[in-house]
Protein backbone atom coordinates (compact mmCIF):
# COMPACT_ATOMS: atom_id res chain seq x y z
CA MET A 1 81.64 94.41 48.13
CA ASP A 2 79.43 96.18 50.70
CA ALA A 3 78.85 93.02 52.74
CA LYS A 4 82.56 92.20 52.78
CA VAL A 5 83.48 95.72 53.86
CA SER A 6 80.89 95.54 56.66
CA ALA A 7 82.31 92.21 57.85
CA PHE A 8 85.83 93.68 57.81
CA ILE A 9 84.73 96.74 59.79
CA ARG A 10 83.09 94.47 62.40
CA TYR A 11 86.37 92.53 62.64
CA LEU A 12 88.32 95.75 63.27
CA LEU A 13 85.80 96.90 65.86
CA ASN A 14 85.22 93.67 67.77
CA GLU A 15 88.50 91.77 67.46
CA ARG A 16 91.14 94.42 66.81
CA ARG A 17 89.45 96.93 69.14
CA TYR A 18 90.30 99.89 66.93
CA SER A 19 89.11 103.33 68.01
CA ASP A 20 86.03 104.96 66.53
CA LEU A 21 88.12 107.49 64.60
CA THR A 22 90.26 104.75 63.08
CA ILE A 23 87.19 102.73 62.13
CA GLN A 24 85.70 105.80 60.45
CA ALA A 25 88.91 106.36 58.47
CA TYR A 26 88.92 102.73 57.28
CA GLN A 27 85.26 102.99 56.30
CA ARG A 28 85.83 106.20 54.32
CA ASP A 29 88.88 104.78 52.52
CA LEU A 30 87.04 101.60 51.51
CA ASN A 31 83.94 103.49 50.42
CA GLU A 32 86.10 105.76 48.27
CA PHE A 33 87.84 102.78 46.67
CA GLU A 34 84.51 101.10 45.95
CA GLY A 35 83.19 104.34 44.44
CA PHE A 36 86.25 104.53 42.19
CA LEU A 37 85.68 100.96 40.98
CA LEU A 38 82.03 101.71 40.19
CA SER A 39 82.95 104.84 38.25
CA SER A 40 85.54 102.82 36.31
CA GLY A 41 83.02 100.28 35.04
CA GLY A 42 81.98 98.31 38.09
CA VAL A 43 84.63 95.60 38.49
CA SER A 44 83.35 92.68 40.55
CA PHE A 45 85.17 91.84 43.79
CA ASN A 46 86.82 88.67 42.46
CA GLU A 47 88.06 90.53 39.38
CA ILE A 48 89.91 93.29 41.26
CA ALA A 49 93.52 93.11 40.09
CA TYR A 50 96.85 94.86 40.53
CA GLN A 51 96.10 97.12 37.54
CA ASP A 52 92.92 98.41 39.20
CA VAL A 53 94.84 99.44 42.30
CA ARG A 54 97.52 101.10 40.13
CA LEU A 55 94.77 103.14 38.43
CA TYR A 56 93.39 104.05 41.83
CA LEU A 57 96.85 105.18 42.95
CA ALA A 58 97.07 107.37 39.85
CA PHE A 59 93.61 108.76 40.65
CA LEU A 60 94.68 109.67 44.21
CA THR A 61 97.86 111.30 42.91
CA GLU A 62 95.91 113.40 40.40
CA LYS A 63 93.78 114.70 43.28
CA GLU A 64 97.05 116.15 44.68
CA LEU A 65 96.59 114.47 48.03
CA SER A 66 99.57 114.45 50.37
CA ARG A 67 101.87 111.43 50.18
CA THR A 68 101.01 110.47 53.77
CA THR A 69 97.28 110.50 52.97
CA ILE A 70 97.80 108.30 49.91
CA ALA A 71 99.98 105.94 51.95
CA ARG A 72 97.24 105.66 54.60
CA LYS A 73 94.57 104.83 52.00
CA LEU A 74 96.80 102.14 50.52
CA SER A 75 97.45 100.78 54.00
CA THR A 76 93.68 100.43 54.47
CA LEU A 77 93.44 98.42 51.25
CA ARG A 78 96.34 96.21 52.29
CA SER A 79 94.64 95.36 55.56
CA PHE A 80 91.31 94.75 53.85
CA PHE A 81 92.64 92.45 51.12
CA LYS A 82 94.83 90.54 53.56
CA TYR A 83 91.68 89.86 55.59
CA ALA A 84 89.79 88.95 52.39
CA VAL A 85 92.38 86.28 51.52
CA GLN A 86 92.24 84.89 55.07
CA GLN A 87 88.44 84.65 54.76
CA GLN A 88 88.87 82.93 51.37
CA TRP A 89 86.78 85.60 49.66
CA THR A 90 89.47 85.79 47.01
CA GLU A 91 92.61 83.88 46.04
CA ILE A 92 94.51 86.87 44.69
CA ASN A 93 95.67 89.84 46.75
CA PRO A 94 95.92 92.81 44.33
CA MET A 95 98.01 94.75 46.86
CA GLU A 96 100.97 92.35 46.89
CA LEU A 97 102.93 94.19 44.19
CA ILE A 98 101.91 97.72 45.18
CA GLN A 99 104.74 99.81 46.62
CA TYR A 100 104.52 103.44 47.66
CA ASN A 101 106.97 105.56 49.61
CA SER A 102 105.21 108.15 51.75
CA LYS A 103 108.38 110.23 51.99
CA LYS A 104 109.51 112.12 48.94
CA GLN A 105 113.10 111.14 48.30
CA ARG A 106 115.45 114.09 48.20
CA LEU A 107 118.14 114.07 45.60
CA PRO A 108 121.59 114.25 47.14
CA ASP A 109 123.19 117.68 47.12
CA PHE A 110 126.42 117.79 45.11
CA PHE A 111 128.96 120.16 43.58
CA TYR A 112 129.43 120.72 39.87
CA GLU A 113 132.97 120.07 38.66
CA SER A 114 133.69 123.79 38.36
CA GLU A 115 132.53 124.31 41.96
CA ILE A 116 134.68 121.56 43.48
CA ASN A 117 137.66 122.84 41.50
CA SER A 118 137.06 126.35 42.89
CA ILE A 119 136.99 125.02 46.46
CA ILE A 120 140.22 123.05 46.04
CA GLU A 121 141.97 126.00 44.40
CA ALA A 122 140.83 128.25 47.26
CA ALA A 123 142.26 125.78 49.77
CA LYS A 124 145.57 125.81 47.91
CA ARG A 125 145.72 129.64 48.06
CA ASP A 126 144.89 129.66 51.75
CA ASP A 127 147.55 131.06 54.10
CA HIS A 128 146.40 128.93 57.03
CA PRO A 129 149.27 127.12 58.85
CA SER A 130 147.58 123.78 58.13
CA ALA A 131 146.76 124.55 54.51
CA THR A 132 148.56 121.49 53.12
CA ARG A 133 146.57 119.23 55.45
CA ASN A 134 143.29 120.88 54.48
CA VAL A 135 144.02 120.49 50.77
CA ALA A 136 144.85 116.82 51.34
CA ILE A 137 141.54 116.27 53.19
CA LEU A 138 139.56 117.94 50.41
CA GLU A 139 141.32 116.03 47.66
CA LEU A 140 140.98 112.71 49.46
CA LEU A 141 137.30 113.08 50.34
CA TYR A 142 136.47 113.98 46.75
CA ALA A 143 138.77 111.34 45.25
CA THR A 144 137.48 108.44 47.33
CA GLY A 145 133.95 109.24 48.50
CA MET A 146 134.93 108.27 52.03
CA ARG A 147 132.69 109.17 54.93
CA VAL A 148 134.18 111.90 57.09
CA SER A 149 134.37 109.47 60.03
CA GLU A 150 136.39 107.05 57.88
CA CYS A 151 138.72 109.86 56.85
CA CYS A 152 139.31 110.96 60.44
CA GLN A 153 140.13 107.40 61.51
CA LEU A 154 142.36 106.74 58.50
CA LYS A 155 145.89 105.61 59.35
CA VAL A 156 149.05 105.97 57.31
CA SER A 157 149.40 102.19 57.22
CA GLN A 158 146.09 101.99 55.34
CA VAL A 159 147.45 104.02 52.42
CA ASP A 160 149.57 102.26 49.78
CA PHE A 161 151.29 105.11 47.98
CA ASN A 162 152.96 102.81 45.42
CA ILE A 163 149.82 101.32 43.94
CA GLN A 164 147.67 104.28 45.03
CA MET A 165 145.06 102.34 46.99
CA ILE A 166 143.47 102.95 50.38
CA ARG A 167 142.10 100.31 52.73
CA VAL A 168 139.05 101.85 54.40
CA ILE A 169 137.35 100.46 57.50
CA GLY A 170 133.69 101.37 57.16
CA LYS A 171 130.44 100.76 59.01
CA GLY A 172 130.21 97.47 60.84
CA ASN A 173 134.01 97.20 60.70
CA LYS A 174 133.72 96.22 57.02
CA GLU A 175 136.78 96.74 54.88
CA ARG A 176 136.87 98.01 51.32
CA ILE A 177 139.66 98.99 48.95
CA ILE A 178 139.44 102.32 47.11
CA PRO A 179 141.79 103.52 44.35
CA VAL A 180 143.14 107.06 44.69
CA GLY A 181 144.05 109.42 41.85
CA ASP A 182 147.34 111.21 41.30
CA GLN A 183 146.27 114.61 42.60
CA ALA A 184 144.96 113.29 45.91
CA ILE A 185 148.09 111.17 46.45
CA ALA A 186 150.29 114.19 45.66
CA ALA A 187 148.33 116.33 48.14
CA VAL A 188 148.71 113.74 50.92
CA LEU A 189 152.46 113.40 50.28
CA ASP A 190 152.83 117.19 50.33
CA TYR A 191 151.00 117.35 53.66
CA GLN A 192 153.18 114.60 55.13
CA LYS A 193 156.40 116.25 54.03
CA ASN A 194 155.56 119.83 55.01
CA LEU A 195 153.39 119.46 58.10
CA ARG A 196 152.64 116.02 59.44
CA ASP A 197 156.26 114.90 59.88
CA GLN A 198 156.88 118.05 61.89
CA LEU A 199 153.86 117.43 64.13
CA ILE A 200 155.01 113.89 64.84
CA ALA A 201 158.57 115.04 65.54
CA ASN A 202 157.25 117.49 68.15
CA ILE A 203 155.33 114.72 69.94
CA PRO A 204 157.69 111.73 69.79
CA ASN A 205 155.71 109.49 72.16
CA SER A 206 152.29 110.28 70.75
CA PRO A 207 149.81 107.35 70.71
CA TYR A 208 148.36 108.84 67.53
CA ARG A 209 151.48 108.53 65.37
CA ASP A 210 149.79 106.32 62.79
CA PHE A 211 146.72 108.53 62.25
CA LEU A 212 146.98 110.37 58.93
CA PHE A 213 145.15 113.62 59.64
CA LEU A 214 146.21 115.35 62.84
CA SER A 215 145.27 118.60 64.54
CA ASP A 216 147.90 121.17 65.54
CA LYS A 217 147.98 119.38 68.91
CA GLY A 218 148.90 116.10 67.27
CA LYS A 219 145.54 114.40 67.85
CA PRO A 220 143.32 112.84 65.19
CA LEU A 221 140.89 115.31 63.65
CA THR A 222 137.20 114.92 64.50
CA ALA A 223 134.30 115.12 62.04
CA ALA A 224 133.25 118.43 63.60
CA GLN A 225 136.75 119.86 63.04
CA VAL A 226 136.70 118.80 59.38
CA ARG A 227 133.33 120.53 58.91
CA THR A 228 134.76 123.70 60.48
CA ILE A 229 137.80 123.55 58.19
CA LEU A 230 135.68 123.23 55.05
CA ASN A 231 133.30 126.01 56.06
CA ARG A 232 136.20 128.35 56.86
CA ILE A 233 137.77 127.79 53.42
CA VAL A 234 134.50 128.55 51.63
CA ASP A 235 133.67 131.58 53.79
CA GLN A 236 137.09 133.23 53.80
CA HIS A 237 137.48 132.97 50.05
CA GLY A 238 134.05 134.38 49.28
CA LEU A 239 132.66 131.26 47.64
CA ASN A 240 128.89 131.40 47.57
CA LEU A 241 128.56 127.69 48.30
CA LYS A 242 127.28 125.53 51.12
CA ILE A 243 129.65 122.74 52.04
CA HIS A 244 129.72 119.77 54.37
CA PRO A 245 131.86 116.60 54.23
CA HIS A 246 129.03 114.33 53.08
CA LYS A 247 128.40 116.63 50.12
CA LEU A 248 131.84 115.65 48.85
CA ARG A 249 130.79 111.98 49.07
CA HIS A 250 127.65 112.81 47.08
CA THR A 251 129.80 114.66 44.54
CA PHE A 252 132.19 111.72 44.18
CA ALA A 253 129.34 109.31 43.38
CA THR A 254 127.50 111.73 41.09
CA HIS A 255 130.57 112.54 39.01
CA LEU A 256 131.51 108.87 38.63
CA LEU A 257 128.04 107.91 37.39
CA ASN A 258 127.70 110.97 35.15
CA ASN A 259 130.97 110.05 33.49
CA GLY A 260 130.10 106.44 32.76
CA ALA A 261 130.85 104.38 35.88
CA ASP A 262 128.53 101.43 36.46
CA MET A 263 126.26 101.28 39.49
CA ARG A 264 127.79 98.17 41.04
CA SER A 265 131.29 99.68 41.03
CA VAL A 266 130.08 102.87 42.70
CA GLN A 267 128.18 100.78 45.26
CA GLU A 268 131.39 98.94 46.16
CA LEU A 269 133.45 102.13 46.33
CA LEU A 270 130.92 103.79 48.64
CA GLY A 271 130.61 100.70 50.84
CA HIS A 272 126.83 100.43 50.42
CA VAL A 273 125.35 97.10 51.43
CA ASP A 274 122.21 97.57 49.28
CA LEU A 275 122.21 98.81 45.71
CA SER A 276 119.11 100.86 46.52
CA SER A 277 121.31 103.14 48.65
CA THR A 278 123.44 103.88 45.58
CA GLN A 279 120.50 104.41 43.23
CA ILE A 280 119.79 107.86 44.69
CA TYR A 281 122.79 109.04 42.68
CA THR A 282 121.28 108.15 39.30
CA HIS A 283 120.17 111.73 38.78
CA VAL A 284 122.08 113.59 36.09
CA THR A 285 122.96 117.24 35.87
CA LYS A 286 121.18 119.48 33.37
CA ASP A 287 124.44 120.03 31.52
CA LYS A 288 125.03 116.29 31.23
CA LEU A 289 121.43 115.72 30.14
CA ARG A 290 121.68 118.40 27.45
CA GLN A 291 125.02 117.03 26.25
CA THR A 292 123.59 113.52 25.96
CA TYR A 293 120.51 114.80 24.11
CA LEU A 294 122.60 116.74 21.59
CA GLN A 295 124.78 113.70 20.96
CA VAL A 296 122.09 111.09 20.42
CA HIS A 297 118.96 112.77 19.04
CA PRO A 298 119.04 112.74 15.22
CA ARG A 299 117.39 116.15 14.92
CA ALA A 300 118.96 117.87 17.92
CA LYS A 301 121.40 119.92 15.86
CA ARG A 302 120.56 122.38 13.12
CA GLN A 303 121.38 120.87 9.73
CA THR A 304 123.90 122.78 7.61
CA LYS A 305 123.17 123.40 3.96
CA THR A 306 125.33 121.62 1.41
CA GLU A 307 126.69 123.23 -1.74
CA GLU A 308 124.07 121.37 -3.83
CA ASP A 309 121.31 123.07 -1.83
């Protein structure tokens, strides 16, 4: 492998014109990989396979290297084996199936059911003049998983109160249909009856008559205003919680999946183009995990003694 590595380094230096520091990094990475192969039994170059690289990845991880360092070392191997195939040194590229994300994926922040119920109840007790509107926003964001921008642009004509469905216009002007539960529909109707109709009556020629959620000036709410509304509810009622509109979207998806919804349905409801965007919600809460364990493991519960014992 030494001769092939040397030829590759010359290629980087003479044809790719890489800097000295970059060349040194490539050389170190390849020397380390070769050393790993030798310590693992001395696999010949033509026998290097996907499994060998997977073992090497595990080795790097055990050394507790940073994810960016590991990603760089794998990038070196990708470049080297791509060049090796081009030079017909080997027919198989062991890096083809290797995937590694240098960024640690953060789990989405969400509310437990008791927490979201506390926030909604606080909004209902609020003495703010626009309390009915604020409750409707909270209920609708949680009930549908809409983005805050979609909620702000929502029009009355997009809500079918009879069949309890909402037509949402999402990113890229793509349309999706979302069902809405009883409590959210009731909150929106209450807001319309006790506040919105009055706002519209005060501004008869308003160009915003069809927008569902309006400010006290009769204009459509902005995303920033919705964030302010949610923060004020949490702060004024002494709830020790951090809130933002997108957290309600995360909560919607998490609760659906934790209660048995399938991934494809949640993907459609959220308006995700790729299923991978929805897969971040496959985490489960500790309570749900414990509940599942107790239900399915045959020795999870203490056995009770029978009379014969």
